[in-house]
N, C-alpha and C. Protein backbone atom coordinates (compact mmCIF):
# COMPACT_ATOMS: atom_id res chain seq x y z
N MET A 1 0.85 -1.21 0.00
CA MET A 1 0.00 0.00 0.00
C MET A 1 0.87 1.23 0.00
N ASN A 2 1.91 1.19 0.82
CA ASN A 2 2.81 2.34 0.86
C ASN A 2 3.52 2.50 -0.47
N ASN A 3 3.93 1.33 -1.07
CA ASN A 3 4.61 1.41 -2.36
C ASN A 3 3.71 2.00 -3.42
N SER A 4 2.42 1.61 -3.38
CA SER A 4 1.46 2.14 -4.35
C SER A 4 1.29 3.64 -4.18
N HIS A 5 1.24 4.06 -2.91
CA HIS A 5 1.08 5.50 -2.63
C HIS A 5 2.30 6.26 -3.10
N THR A 6 3.48 5.66 -2.90
CA THR A 6 4.72 6.32 -3.32
C THR A 6 4.79 6.43 -4.83
N GLU A 7 4.40 5.32 -5.52
CA GLU A 7 4.43 5.36 -6.97
C GLU A 7 3.46 6.40 -7.52
N HIS A 8 2.28 6.48 -6.88
CA HIS A 8 1.28 7.48 -7.31
C HIS A 8 1.81 8.89 -7.09
N HIS A 9 2.51 9.07 -5.97
CA HIS A 9 3.06 10.38 -5.64
C HIS A 9 4.10 10.79 -6.68
N HIS A 10 4.97 9.83 -7.04
CA HIS A 10 6.01 10.12 -8.04
C HIS A 10 5.39 10.40 -9.40
N ALA A 11 4.32 9.63 -9.72
CA ALA A 11 3.66 9.84 -11.01
C ALA A 11 3.04 11.22 -11.08
N GLY A 12 2.39 11.61 -9.96
CA GLY A 12 1.79 12.94 -9.92
C GLY A 12 2.84 14.02 -10.01
N GLY A 13 3.98 13.80 -9.31
CA GLY A 13 5.05 14.80 -9.35
C GLY A 13 5.64 14.94 -10.74
N ASP A 14 5.81 13.77 -11.41
CA ASP A 14 6.36 13.80 -12.77
C ASP A 14 5.42 14.54 -13.71
N GLN A 15 4.11 14.31 -13.54
CA GLN A 15 3.14 14.98 -14.41
C GLN A 15 3.16 16.49 -14.18
N ALA A 16 3.22 16.88 -12.91
CA ALA A 16 3.27 18.31 -12.59
C ALA A 16 4.53 18.94 -13.16
N GLY A 17 5.66 18.20 -13.08
CA GLY A 17 6.91 18.72 -13.62
C GLY A 17 6.84 18.90 -15.12
N GLN A 18 6.18 17.90 -15.79
CA GLN A 18 6.05 18.01 -17.23
C GLN A 18 5.17 19.20 -17.62
N GLU A 19 4.09 19.43 -16.86
CA GLU A 19 3.21 20.57 -17.13
C GLU A 19 3.96 21.88 -16.91
N ALA A 20 4.74 21.94 -15.82
CA ALA A 20 5.51 23.15 -15.54
C ALA A 20 6.53 23.39 -16.64
N HIS A 21 7.16 22.29 -17.11
CA HIS A 21 8.16 22.43 -18.17
C HIS A 21 7.53 22.95 -19.46
N SER A 22 6.28 22.55 -19.70
CA SER A 22 5.62 22.99 -20.94
C SER A 22 5.35 24.49 -20.92
N PHE A 23 5.24 25.10 -19.73
CA PHE A 23 5.01 26.54 -19.63
C PHE A 23 6.30 27.33 -19.48
N ALA A 24 7.41 26.63 -19.34
CA ALA A 24 8.68 27.32 -19.11
C ALA A 24 9.14 28.03 -20.38
N GLY A 25 9.68 29.24 -20.19
CA GLY A 25 10.23 29.98 -21.31
C GLY A 25 11.69 29.64 -21.52
N GLU A 26 12.35 30.42 -22.36
CA GLU A 26 13.74 30.16 -22.68
C GLU A 26 14.70 30.94 -21.79
N HIS A 27 14.18 31.83 -20.95
CA HIS A 27 15.04 32.66 -20.11
C HIS A 27 15.24 32.03 -18.75
N VAL A 28 16.49 31.83 -18.38
CA VAL A 28 16.82 31.28 -17.08
C VAL A 28 17.85 32.20 -16.44
N TYR A 29 17.56 32.66 -15.22
CA TYR A 29 18.47 33.55 -14.49
C TYR A 29 18.71 32.97 -13.10
N ASP A 30 19.97 32.71 -12.79
CA ASP A 30 20.34 32.18 -11.47
C ASP A 30 19.50 30.96 -11.10
N GLY A 31 19.29 30.10 -12.07
CA GLY A 31 18.53 28.89 -11.80
C GLY A 31 17.04 29.08 -11.76
N ILE A 32 16.58 30.29 -12.00
CA ILE A 32 15.14 30.58 -11.99
C ILE A 32 14.65 30.63 -13.43
N THR A 33 13.69 29.78 -13.74
CA THR A 33 13.16 29.72 -15.10
C THR A 33 11.96 30.64 -15.24
N GLU A 34 11.97 31.47 -16.27
CA GLU A 34 10.85 32.38 -16.53
C GLU A 34 9.73 31.61 -17.22
N TYR A 35 8.55 31.63 -16.64
CA TYR A 35 7.40 30.95 -17.24
C TYR A 35 6.85 31.76 -18.40
N ASP A 36 6.33 31.07 -19.36
CA ASP A 36 5.70 31.72 -20.51
C ASP A 36 4.21 31.84 -20.22
N ASN A 37 3.80 33.03 -19.78
CA ASN A 37 2.40 33.27 -19.47
C ASN A 37 1.80 34.16 -20.56
N PRO A 38 1.16 33.60 -21.53
CA PRO A 38 0.62 34.41 -22.64
C PRO A 38 -0.39 35.44 -22.16
N THR A 39 -0.43 36.59 -22.85
CA THR A 39 -1.42 37.62 -22.53
C THR A 39 -2.82 37.06 -22.80
N PRO A 40 -3.74 37.26 -21.87
CA PRO A 40 -5.10 36.71 -22.07
C PRO A 40 -5.73 37.25 -23.35
N GLY A 41 -6.56 36.44 -23.97
CA GLY A 41 -7.21 36.85 -25.21
C GLY A 41 -8.09 38.08 -25.04
N TRP A 42 -8.80 38.17 -23.89
CA TRP A 42 -9.68 39.32 -23.68
C TRP A 42 -8.90 40.62 -23.61
N TRP A 43 -7.64 40.54 -23.07
CA TRP A 43 -6.81 41.75 -22.99
C TRP A 43 -6.39 42.19 -24.38
N LYS A 44 -5.99 41.22 -25.23
CA LYS A 44 -5.61 41.54 -26.60
C LYS A 44 -6.77 42.16 -27.36
N LEU A 45 -7.97 41.58 -27.15
CA LEU A 45 -9.15 42.10 -27.82
C LEU A 45 -9.45 43.54 -27.39
N LEU A 46 -9.34 43.79 -26.09
CA LEU A 46 -9.59 45.14 -25.57
C LEU A 46 -8.55 46.13 -26.09
N PHE A 47 -7.29 45.71 -26.15
CA PHE A 47 -6.23 46.58 -26.65
C PHE A 47 -6.47 46.92 -28.13
N GLY A 48 -6.81 45.91 -28.92
CA GLY A 48 -7.07 46.15 -30.34
C GLY A 48 -8.24 47.07 -30.55
N ALA A 49 -9.31 46.87 -29.76
CA ALA A 49 -10.49 47.75 -29.88
C ALA A 49 -10.14 49.18 -29.51
N SER A 50 -9.29 49.35 -28.49
CA SER A 50 -8.88 50.69 -28.08
C SER A 50 -8.09 51.40 -29.17
N CYS A 51 -7.23 50.66 -29.84
CA CYS A 51 -6.44 51.25 -30.94
C CYS A 51 -7.35 51.69 -32.08
N ILE A 52 -8.32 50.85 -32.41
CA ILE A 52 -9.25 51.20 -33.48
C ILE A 52 -10.08 52.42 -33.09
N PHE A 53 -10.55 52.44 -31.84
CA PHE A 53 -11.32 53.59 -31.35
C PHE A 53 -10.49 54.87 -31.40
N ALA A 54 -9.20 54.76 -31.04
CA ALA A 54 -8.33 55.95 -31.01
C ALA A 54 -8.20 56.56 -32.40
N VAL A 55 -8.14 55.72 -33.43
CA VAL A 55 -8.04 56.24 -34.80
C VAL A 55 -9.26 57.07 -35.15
N PHE A 56 -10.45 56.54 -34.89
CA PHE A 56 -11.68 57.26 -35.21
C PHE A 56 -11.83 58.52 -34.33
N TYR A 57 -11.39 58.40 -33.08
CA TYR A 57 -11.45 59.57 -32.18
C TYR A 57 -10.58 60.69 -32.73
N TRP A 58 -9.37 60.35 -33.16
CA TRP A 58 -8.45 61.35 -33.71
C TRP A 58 -9.02 61.98 -34.98
N LEU A 59 -9.59 61.15 -35.85
CA LEU A 59 -10.17 61.67 -37.08
C LEU A 59 -11.34 62.61 -36.79
N TYR A 60 -12.14 62.25 -35.79
CA TYR A 60 -13.35 63.04 -35.50
C TYR A 60 -13.05 64.33 -34.76
N PHE A 61 -12.16 64.29 -33.77
CA PHE A 61 -11.94 65.45 -32.91
C PHE A 61 -10.75 66.31 -33.30
N HIS A 62 -9.79 65.75 -34.05
CA HIS A 62 -8.54 66.49 -34.26
C HIS A 62 -8.17 66.75 -35.72
N LEU A 63 -8.50 65.87 -36.62
CA LEU A 63 -8.07 66.03 -38.00
C LEU A 63 -9.10 66.84 -38.78
N ASP A 64 -8.81 68.14 -38.95
CA ASP A 64 -9.71 69.04 -39.68
C ASP A 64 -11.12 69.02 -39.12
N ALA A 65 -11.21 68.84 -37.81
CA ALA A 65 -12.54 68.80 -37.20
C ALA A 65 -13.09 70.22 -37.06
N PRO A 66 -14.36 70.43 -37.36
CA PRO A 66 -14.93 71.77 -37.16
C PRO A 66 -14.99 72.12 -35.69
N ALA A 67 -15.02 73.40 -35.42
CA ALA A 67 -15.06 73.86 -34.02
C ALA A 67 -16.34 73.38 -33.35
N GLY A 68 -16.23 73.15 -32.06
CA GLY A 68 -17.42 72.83 -31.29
C GLY A 68 -17.54 71.39 -30.85
N ARG A 69 -16.56 70.56 -31.15
CA ARG A 69 -16.68 69.14 -30.82
C ARG A 69 -16.02 68.75 -29.52
N THR A 70 -15.07 69.52 -29.04
CA THR A 70 -14.31 69.09 -27.87
C THR A 70 -14.97 69.53 -26.58
N ILE A 71 -14.50 68.96 -25.47
CA ILE A 71 -15.03 69.36 -24.17
C ILE A 71 -14.66 70.81 -23.86
N TYR A 72 -13.55 71.28 -24.43
CA TYR A 72 -13.17 72.67 -24.22
C TYR A 72 -14.16 73.60 -24.91
N ASP A 73 -14.59 73.23 -26.10
CA ASP A 73 -15.60 74.03 -26.79
C ASP A 73 -16.91 74.03 -26.01
N ASP A 74 -17.26 72.88 -25.45
CA ASP A 74 -18.48 72.79 -24.67
C ASP A 74 -18.39 73.68 -23.43
N PHE A 75 -17.21 73.68 -22.78
CA PHE A 75 -17.01 74.55 -21.62
C PHE A 75 -17.14 76.01 -22.03
N ASP A 76 -16.53 76.38 -23.15
CA ASP A 76 -16.59 77.77 -23.61
C ASP A 76 -18.03 78.19 -23.88
N ARG A 77 -18.83 77.30 -24.45
CA ARG A 77 -20.23 77.63 -24.72
C ARG A 77 -21.00 77.86 -23.43
N GLN A 78 -20.76 76.98 -22.45
CA GLN A 78 -21.46 77.14 -21.18
C GLN A 78 -21.02 78.41 -20.45
N ALA A 79 -19.70 78.67 -20.47
CA ALA A 79 -19.20 79.89 -19.82
C ALA A 79 -19.76 81.13 -20.50
N ALA A 80 -19.80 81.11 -21.84
CA ALA A 80 -20.33 82.25 -22.57
C ALA A 80 -21.79 82.51 -22.22
N ALA A 81 -22.56 81.42 -22.07
CA ALA A 81 -23.97 81.58 -21.73
C ALA A 81 -24.13 82.18 -20.34
N ILE A 82 -23.29 81.73 -19.40
CA ILE A 82 -23.36 82.26 -18.03
C ILE A 82 -22.99 83.74 -18.01
N PHE A 83 -21.87 84.07 -18.68
CA PHE A 83 -21.45 85.47 -18.72
C PHE A 83 -22.50 86.34 -19.41
N GLN A 84 -23.10 85.82 -20.47
CA GLN A 84 -24.09 86.59 -21.21
C GLN A 84 -25.28 86.94 -20.30
N ARG A 85 -25.71 85.99 -19.49
CA ARG A 85 -26.82 86.26 -18.57
C ARG A 85 -26.42 87.30 -17.53
N ARG A 86 -25.22 87.19 -17.00
CA ARG A 86 -24.76 88.15 -15.99
C ARG A 86 -24.55 89.52 -16.59
N PHE A 87 -23.97 89.57 -17.78
CA PHE A 87 -23.64 90.85 -18.38
C PHE A 87 -24.87 91.60 -18.87
N SER A 88 -26.00 90.91 -18.96
CA SER A 88 -27.22 91.61 -19.34
C SER A 88 -27.60 92.66 -18.29
N GLU A 89 -27.07 92.52 -17.08
CA GLU A 89 -27.36 93.48 -16.01
C GLU A 89 -26.65 94.81 -16.24
N ILE A 90 -25.50 94.78 -16.92
CA ILE A 90 -24.70 96.01 -17.04
C ILE A 90 -24.47 96.44 -18.48
N GLY A 91 -24.95 95.63 -19.43
CA GLY A 91 -24.76 95.99 -20.83
C GLY A 91 -23.31 95.82 -21.26
N ASP A 92 -22.99 96.26 -22.46
CA ASP A 92 -21.63 96.17 -22.98
C ASP A 92 -20.79 97.33 -22.45
N LEU A 93 -19.70 96.99 -21.79
CA LEU A 93 -18.84 98.01 -21.19
C LEU A 93 -17.82 98.54 -22.20
N LYS A 94 -17.44 99.79 -22.00
CA LYS A 94 -16.40 100.39 -22.82
C LYS A 94 -15.09 100.39 -22.04
N PRO A 95 -13.99 100.08 -22.70
CA PRO A 95 -12.70 100.01 -21.98
C PRO A 95 -12.06 101.38 -21.79
N ASP A 96 -12.81 102.33 -21.24
CA ASP A 96 -12.27 103.66 -21.01
C ASP A 96 -11.94 103.85 -19.55
N GLU A 97 -11.30 104.96 -19.25
CA GLU A 97 -10.82 105.21 -17.88
C GLU A 97 -11.95 105.23 -16.87
N ALA A 98 -13.04 105.92 -17.19
CA ALA A 98 -14.16 106.05 -16.24
C ALA A 98 -14.76 104.68 -15.91
N THR A 99 -14.92 103.83 -16.92
CA THR A 99 -15.50 102.51 -16.69
C THR A 99 -14.56 101.65 -15.85
N LEU A 100 -13.28 101.67 -16.18
CA LEU A 100 -12.32 100.87 -15.43
C LEU A 100 -12.24 101.32 -13.97
N LEU A 101 -12.28 102.63 -13.73
CA LEU A 101 -12.26 103.12 -12.36
C LEU A 101 -13.50 102.68 -11.59
N LYS A 102 -14.63 102.70 -12.27
CA LYS A 102 -15.88 102.29 -11.61
C LYS A 102 -15.81 100.84 -11.15
N TYR A 103 -15.38 99.95 -12.06
CA TYR A 103 -15.41 98.54 -11.73
C TYR A 103 -14.17 98.09 -10.96
N LEU A 104 -13.15 98.90 -10.96
CA LEU A 104 -11.98 98.59 -10.14
C LEU A 104 -12.34 98.61 -8.65
N ASN A 105 -13.39 99.36 -8.32
CA ASN A 105 -13.84 99.46 -6.92
C ASN A 105 -15.14 98.73 -6.66
N ASP A 106 -15.58 97.92 -7.59
CA ASP A 106 -16.81 97.15 -7.43
C ASP A 106 -16.42 95.69 -7.19
N SER A 107 -16.42 95.27 -5.95
CA SER A 107 -15.91 93.94 -5.61
C SER A 107 -16.68 92.82 -6.28
N GLN A 108 -17.99 92.99 -6.48
CA GLN A 108 -18.80 91.94 -7.10
C GLN A 108 -18.36 91.68 -8.53
N TRP A 109 -18.23 92.73 -9.33
CA TRP A 109 -17.86 92.57 -10.73
C TRP A 109 -16.36 92.36 -10.89
N LEU A 110 -15.58 92.86 -9.94
CA LEU A 110 -14.14 92.61 -10.00
C LEU A 110 -13.85 91.12 -9.86
N LYS A 111 -14.74 90.42 -9.16
CA LYS A 111 -14.58 88.97 -9.00
C LYS A 111 -14.69 88.26 -10.35
N VAL A 112 -15.53 88.78 -11.24
CA VAL A 112 -15.64 88.19 -12.58
C VAL A 112 -14.32 88.35 -13.32
N GLY A 113 -13.70 89.53 -13.19
CA GLY A 113 -12.39 89.74 -13.79
C GLY A 113 -11.33 88.82 -13.20
N GLU A 114 -11.42 88.57 -11.91
CA GLU A 114 -10.48 87.67 -11.25
C GLU A 114 -10.63 86.25 -11.78
N VAL A 115 -11.86 85.80 -11.96
CA VAL A 115 -12.11 84.45 -12.48
C VAL A 115 -11.51 84.31 -13.88
N THR A 116 -11.72 85.32 -14.72
CA THR A 116 -11.16 85.28 -16.08
C THR A 116 -9.65 85.29 -16.03
N TYR A 117 -9.08 86.12 -15.16
CA TYR A 117 -7.63 86.18 -15.02
C TYR A 117 -7.06 84.82 -14.60
N LYS A 118 -7.66 84.22 -13.60
CA LYS A 118 -7.11 82.97 -13.08
C LYS A 118 -7.35 81.78 -14.01
N ALA A 119 -8.29 81.93 -14.91
CA ALA A 119 -8.51 80.86 -15.90
C ALA A 119 -7.56 80.97 -17.07
N ASN A 120 -7.01 82.16 -17.32
CA ASN A 120 -6.25 82.36 -18.56
C ASN A 120 -4.86 82.98 -18.39
N CYS A 121 -4.59 83.61 -17.27
CA CYS A 121 -3.39 84.45 -17.18
C CYS A 121 -2.32 83.99 -16.20
N VAL A 122 -2.67 83.07 -15.31
CA VAL A 122 -1.74 82.71 -14.24
C VAL A 122 -0.48 82.01 -14.75
N SER A 123 -0.57 81.33 -15.90
CA SER A 123 0.60 80.61 -16.39
C SER A 123 1.73 81.56 -16.77
N CYS A 124 1.40 82.79 -17.10
CA CYS A 124 2.43 83.78 -17.46
C CYS A 124 2.66 84.82 -16.37
N HIS A 125 1.59 85.22 -15.70
CA HIS A 125 1.71 86.33 -14.75
C HIS A 125 1.62 85.90 -13.28
N GLY A 126 1.39 84.63 -13.03
CA GLY A 126 1.36 84.15 -11.66
C GLY A 126 -0.02 84.23 -11.05
N GLN A 127 -0.24 83.42 -10.01
CA GLN A 127 -1.54 83.34 -9.35
C GLN A 127 -1.98 84.68 -8.79
N ASN A 128 -1.03 85.45 -8.31
CA ASN A 128 -1.35 86.74 -7.68
C ASN A 128 -0.73 87.93 -8.41
N GLY A 129 -0.38 87.72 -9.68
CA GLY A 129 0.20 88.80 -10.46
C GLY A 129 1.67 89.03 -10.23
N GLU A 130 2.33 88.09 -9.56
CA GLU A 130 3.74 88.28 -9.20
C GLU A 130 4.69 88.18 -10.38
N GLY A 131 4.20 87.64 -11.50
CA GLY A 131 5.03 87.52 -12.70
C GLY A 131 5.77 86.20 -12.77
N LEU A 132 5.69 85.55 -13.92
CA LEU A 132 6.45 84.33 -14.18
C LEU A 132 7.18 84.53 -15.51
N VAL A 133 6.62 84.01 -16.58
CA VAL A 133 7.15 84.31 -17.90
C VAL A 133 6.84 85.76 -18.25
N GLY A 134 5.62 86.17 -17.93
CA GLY A 134 5.19 87.55 -18.16
C GLY A 134 5.63 88.44 -17.01
N PRO A 135 5.45 89.75 -17.19
CA PRO A 135 5.91 90.70 -16.16
C PRO A 135 5.08 90.69 -14.89
N ASN A 136 5.69 91.19 -13.84
CA ASN A 136 5.03 91.42 -12.56
C ASN A 136 3.96 92.50 -12.75
N LEU A 137 2.76 92.24 -12.26
CA LEU A 137 1.65 93.19 -12.40
C LEU A 137 1.35 93.94 -11.11
N THR A 138 2.22 93.79 -10.13
CA THR A 138 1.91 94.39 -8.82
C THR A 138 2.80 95.56 -8.45
N ASP A 139 3.88 95.79 -9.22
CA ASP A 139 4.79 96.89 -8.86
C ASP A 139 4.44 98.15 -9.64
N GLU A 140 5.34 99.13 -9.62
CA GLU A 140 5.08 100.43 -10.25
C GLU A 140 5.63 100.52 -11.67
N ASN A 141 6.28 99.47 -12.14
CA ASN A 141 6.83 99.47 -13.49
C ASN A 141 5.93 98.67 -14.42
N TRP A 142 5.65 99.22 -15.58
CA TRP A 142 4.76 98.55 -16.52
C TRP A 142 5.35 98.56 -17.92
N LYS A 143 5.08 97.50 -18.66
CA LYS A 143 5.46 97.41 -20.07
C LYS A 143 4.20 97.59 -20.91
N ASN A 144 4.29 98.41 -21.94
CA ASN A 144 3.19 98.65 -22.87
C ASN A 144 1.99 99.34 -22.22
N VAL A 145 2.17 99.87 -21.03
CA VAL A 145 1.08 100.55 -20.33
C VAL A 145 1.61 101.87 -19.76
N THR A 146 0.94 102.96 -20.10
CA THR A 146 1.27 104.27 -19.51
C THR A 146 0.08 104.88 -18.81
N LYS A 147 -1.12 104.40 -19.12
CA LYS A 147 -2.34 104.87 -18.47
C LYS A 147 -3.29 103.70 -18.28
N LEU A 148 -4.29 103.90 -17.46
CA LEU A 148 -5.16 102.81 -17.01
C LEU A 148 -5.80 102.05 -18.18
N GLU A 149 -6.33 102.76 -19.15
CA GLU A 149 -7.04 102.09 -20.24
C GLU A 149 -6.13 101.28 -21.16
N ASP A 150 -4.81 101.50 -21.05
CA ASP A 150 -3.88 100.71 -21.85
C ASP A 150 -3.92 99.23 -21.47
N ILE A 151 -4.30 98.94 -20.23
CA ILE A 151 -4.36 97.53 -19.81
C ILE A 151 -5.39 96.78 -20.65
N ALA A 152 -6.57 97.38 -20.82
CA ALA A 152 -7.60 96.74 -21.63
C ALA A 152 -7.14 96.59 -23.08
N LYS A 153 -6.43 97.58 -23.57
CA LYS A 153 -5.95 97.52 -24.96
C LYS A 153 -4.96 96.37 -25.14
N VAL A 154 -4.04 96.21 -24.19
CA VAL A 154 -3.05 95.12 -24.28
C VAL A 154 -3.75 93.77 -24.21
N ILE A 155 -4.75 93.64 -23.34
CA ILE A 155 -5.49 92.37 -23.26
C ILE A 155 -6.21 92.11 -24.58
N GLU A 156 -6.77 93.14 -25.16
CA GLU A 156 -7.56 92.98 -26.37
C GLU A 156 -6.71 92.63 -27.60
N VAL A 157 -5.65 93.39 -27.83
CA VAL A 157 -4.89 93.23 -29.08
C VAL A 157 -3.53 92.57 -28.90
N GLY A 158 -3.11 92.36 -27.65
CA GLY A 158 -1.82 91.73 -27.41
C GLY A 158 -0.68 92.74 -27.45
N ALA A 159 0.53 92.23 -27.26
CA ALA A 159 1.72 93.10 -27.24
C ALA A 159 2.97 92.25 -27.43
N ALA A 160 4.09 92.93 -27.59
CA ALA A 160 5.41 92.28 -27.67
C ALA A 160 5.46 91.21 -28.77
N ASN A 161 4.91 91.58 -29.94
CA ASN A 161 4.96 90.67 -31.10
C ASN A 161 4.37 89.29 -30.81
N GLY A 162 3.31 89.28 -30.05
CA GLY A 162 2.63 88.02 -29.78
C GLY A 162 3.02 87.33 -28.50
N SER A 163 4.07 87.81 -27.82
CA SER A 163 4.42 87.21 -26.52
C SER A 163 3.25 87.34 -25.55
N MET A 164 2.59 88.49 -25.61
CA MET A 164 1.31 88.67 -24.92
C MET A 164 0.23 88.50 -26.00
N PRO A 165 -0.51 87.39 -25.99
CA PRO A 165 -1.48 87.13 -27.07
C PRO A 165 -2.68 88.06 -27.00
N ALA A 166 -3.32 88.25 -28.13
CA ALA A 166 -4.57 89.01 -28.18
C ALA A 166 -5.72 88.13 -27.72
N TRP A 167 -6.58 88.70 -26.86
CA TRP A 167 -7.66 87.91 -26.28
C TRP A 167 -9.04 88.31 -26.81
N ARG A 168 -9.12 89.23 -27.74
CA ARG A 168 -10.43 89.70 -28.18
C ARG A 168 -11.23 88.59 -28.85
N ASN A 169 -10.56 87.64 -29.49
CA ASN A 169 -11.27 86.54 -30.14
C ASN A 169 -11.29 85.28 -29.31
N ARG A 170 -10.68 85.34 -28.13
CA ARG A 170 -10.64 84.16 -27.26
C ARG A 170 -11.66 84.25 -26.13
N LEU A 171 -11.94 85.44 -25.69
CA LEU A 171 -12.93 85.63 -24.63
C LEU A 171 -14.30 85.83 -25.26
N SER A 172 -15.32 85.36 -24.58
CA SER A 172 -16.65 85.30 -25.17
C SER A 172 -17.39 86.63 -25.17
N HIS A 173 -16.93 87.59 -24.36
CA HIS A 173 -17.66 88.86 -24.24
C HIS A 173 -16.68 89.99 -23.97
N VAL A 174 -16.96 91.16 -24.53
CA VAL A 174 -16.08 92.31 -24.34
C VAL A 174 -15.96 92.68 -22.87
N ASN A 175 -17.02 92.42 -22.09
CA ASN A 175 -16.97 92.77 -20.67
C ASN A 175 -15.90 91.99 -19.92
N GLN A 176 -15.57 90.80 -20.39
CA GLN A 176 -14.50 90.04 -19.75
C GLN A 176 -13.17 90.79 -19.89
N ILE A 177 -12.95 91.42 -21.02
CA ILE A 177 -11.73 92.20 -21.22
C ILE A 177 -11.69 93.37 -20.25
N VAL A 178 -12.80 94.09 -20.16
CA VAL A 178 -12.86 95.29 -19.29
C VAL A 178 -12.70 94.90 -17.83
N LEU A 179 -13.41 93.88 -17.40
CA LEU A 179 -13.36 93.49 -15.98
C LEU A 179 -12.03 92.84 -15.62
N THR A 180 -11.44 92.13 -16.56
CA THR A 180 -10.10 91.58 -16.31
C THR A 180 -9.08 92.69 -16.21
N ALA A 181 -9.22 93.72 -17.06
CA ALA A 181 -8.32 94.87 -16.98
C ALA A 181 -8.46 95.58 -15.63
N ALA A 182 -9.70 95.69 -15.15
CA ALA A 182 -9.91 96.31 -13.84
C ALA A 182 -9.27 95.48 -12.74
N TYR A 183 -9.41 94.16 -12.85
CA TYR A 183 -8.79 93.30 -11.84
C TYR A 183 -7.27 93.42 -11.87
N VAL A 184 -6.68 93.42 -13.06
CA VAL A 184 -5.23 93.56 -13.18
C VAL A 184 -4.78 94.89 -12.58
N ALA A 185 -5.54 95.95 -12.83
CA ALA A 185 -5.19 97.26 -12.25
C ALA A 185 -5.25 97.22 -10.73
N SER A 186 -6.18 96.41 -10.18
CA SER A 186 -6.32 96.33 -8.73
C SER A 186 -5.14 95.63 -8.06
N LEU A 187 -4.38 94.87 -8.84
CA LEU A 187 -3.23 94.15 -8.27
C LEU A 187 -2.07 95.08 -7.97
N ARG A 188 -2.05 96.24 -8.60
CA ARG A 188 -0.94 97.17 -8.40
C ARG A 188 -0.87 97.60 -6.94
N GLY A 189 0.31 97.51 -6.38
CA GLY A 189 0.50 97.88 -4.98
C GLY A 189 0.32 96.73 -4.01
N SER A 190 -0.14 95.57 -4.48
CA SER A 190 -0.23 94.41 -3.59
C SER A 190 1.16 93.82 -3.41
N LYS A 191 1.29 92.95 -2.47
CA LYS A 191 2.62 92.41 -2.12
C LYS A 191 2.60 90.88 -2.18
N PRO A 192 2.63 90.29 -3.36
CA PRO A 192 2.64 88.83 -3.44
C PRO A 192 3.99 88.26 -3.05
N GLY A 193 4.00 86.98 -2.75
CA GLY A 193 5.26 86.32 -2.44
C GLY A 193 6.10 86.10 -3.68
N ASN A 194 7.40 86.20 -3.53
CA ASN A 194 8.34 85.93 -4.61
C ASN A 194 8.04 86.70 -5.89
N PRO A 195 7.94 88.02 -5.81
CA PRO A 195 7.62 88.79 -7.01
C PRO A 195 8.79 88.83 -7.99
N LYS A 196 8.47 88.89 -9.25
CA LYS A 196 9.48 89.03 -10.29
C LYS A 196 10.04 90.45 -10.27
N ALA A 197 11.29 90.60 -10.67
CA ALA A 197 11.92 91.93 -10.68
C ALA A 197 11.16 92.87 -11.63
N PRO A 198 11.13 94.16 -11.31
CA PRO A 198 10.40 95.12 -12.16
C PRO A 198 10.91 95.11 -13.60
N GLU A 199 9.98 95.29 -14.51
CA GLU A 199 10.29 95.42 -15.94
C GLU A 199 9.55 96.64 -16.47
N GLY A 200 10.08 97.20 -17.55
CA GLY A 200 9.42 98.36 -18.12
C GLY A 200 9.81 99.63 -17.39
N ASN A 201 8.90 100.60 -17.40
CA ASN A 201 9.16 101.92 -16.83
C ASN A 201 8.15 102.27 -15.76
N PRO A 202 8.57 103.08 -14.76
CA PRO A 202 7.59 103.56 -13.77
C PRO A 202 6.54 104.43 -14.44
N ILE A 203 5.30 104.31 -13.99
CA ILE A 203 4.21 105.13 -14.54
C ILE A 203 3.47 105.80 -13.38
N PRO A 204 2.71 106.86 -13.67
CA PRO A 204 1.97 107.54 -12.60
C PRO A 204 0.92 106.63 -11.98
N PRO A 205 0.50 106.93 -10.76
CA PRO A 205 -0.57 106.14 -10.13
C PRO A 205 -1.85 106.20 -10.95
N TRP A 206 -2.73 105.23 -10.72
CA TRP A 206 -4.03 105.30 -11.37
C TRP A 206 -4.78 106.54 -10.88
N PRO A 207 -5.64 107.11 -11.67
CA PRO A 207 -6.38 108.30 -11.26
C PRO A 207 -7.13 108.10 -9.94
N ALA A 208 -7.15 109.14 -9.15
CA ALA A 208 -7.87 109.17 -7.87
C ALA A 208 -7.31 108.23 -6.84
N GLY A 209 -6.13 107.66 -7.09
CA GLY A 209 -5.48 106.80 -6.12
C GLY A 209 -6.26 105.55 -5.80
N THR A 210 -7.08 105.07 -6.77
CA THR A 210 -7.96 103.92 -6.50
C THR A 210 -7.22 102.62 -6.33
N ALA A 211 -6.03 102.50 -6.93
CA ALA A 211 -5.33 101.23 -6.85
C ALA A 211 -4.94 100.88 -5.44
N ALA A 212 -4.61 101.90 -4.63
CA ALA A 212 -4.20 101.62 -3.26
C ALA A 212 -5.34 101.04 -2.44
N ALA A 213 -6.58 101.47 -2.77
CA ALA A 213 -7.74 101.00 -2.02
C ALA A 213 -8.05 99.56 -2.30
N SER A 214 -7.83 99.13 -3.55
CA SER A 214 -8.21 97.76 -3.92
C SER A 214 -7.01 96.85 -4.16
N GLY A 215 -5.82 97.33 -4.00
CA GLY A 215 -4.64 96.55 -4.32
C GLY A 215 -4.40 95.41 -3.36
N SER A 216 -5.06 95.41 -2.22
CA SER A 216 -4.85 94.35 -1.24
C SER A 216 -5.63 93.10 -1.58
N GLN A 217 -6.45 93.15 -2.64
CA GLN A 217 -7.25 91.97 -2.97
C GLN A 217 -6.40 90.88 -3.55
């Protein structure tokens, strides 16, 4: 009985060894044999389907695709609709000195300018206007600006041969330009951390000394 059990044990061990050998690969390192574990069929099928889907996705969304198909376009449409509803309260603003001074001291509407700034401008000018690639917006030196309304003009048409891009065709409403200009003007005199060295030339204070009142925002 013991002999039969032993023979059965050896037979089972030999069979297991043969099965293990059939899965063994050709790579052996320090006596350790690498098993050949084929990629499951379902994984290959999923990978192939993903590649096919990617081709059609690229053709539909990127290769000569008309505007309006991406999630960014969808976001822009929704943002434009929201701004349009809000701006109906104040009409279309003019980027002149009187308008900028008015909204530079209006915390509710200045917040709209801040939202636009932080969505589009922080990569160049910093979260708090301290300056990164673009100039510092908090000190007394300015490039391409000598008076308050110049800020709106620079936002609208750009400057420095495209280093500062034009935003008139990128923002959904003219009021975003005006309110963003007011917000940028409000940053003057604030003290952000790690400010960039001054660039450009010193310019006179904003009219009526309004920047000092709102520069702490």
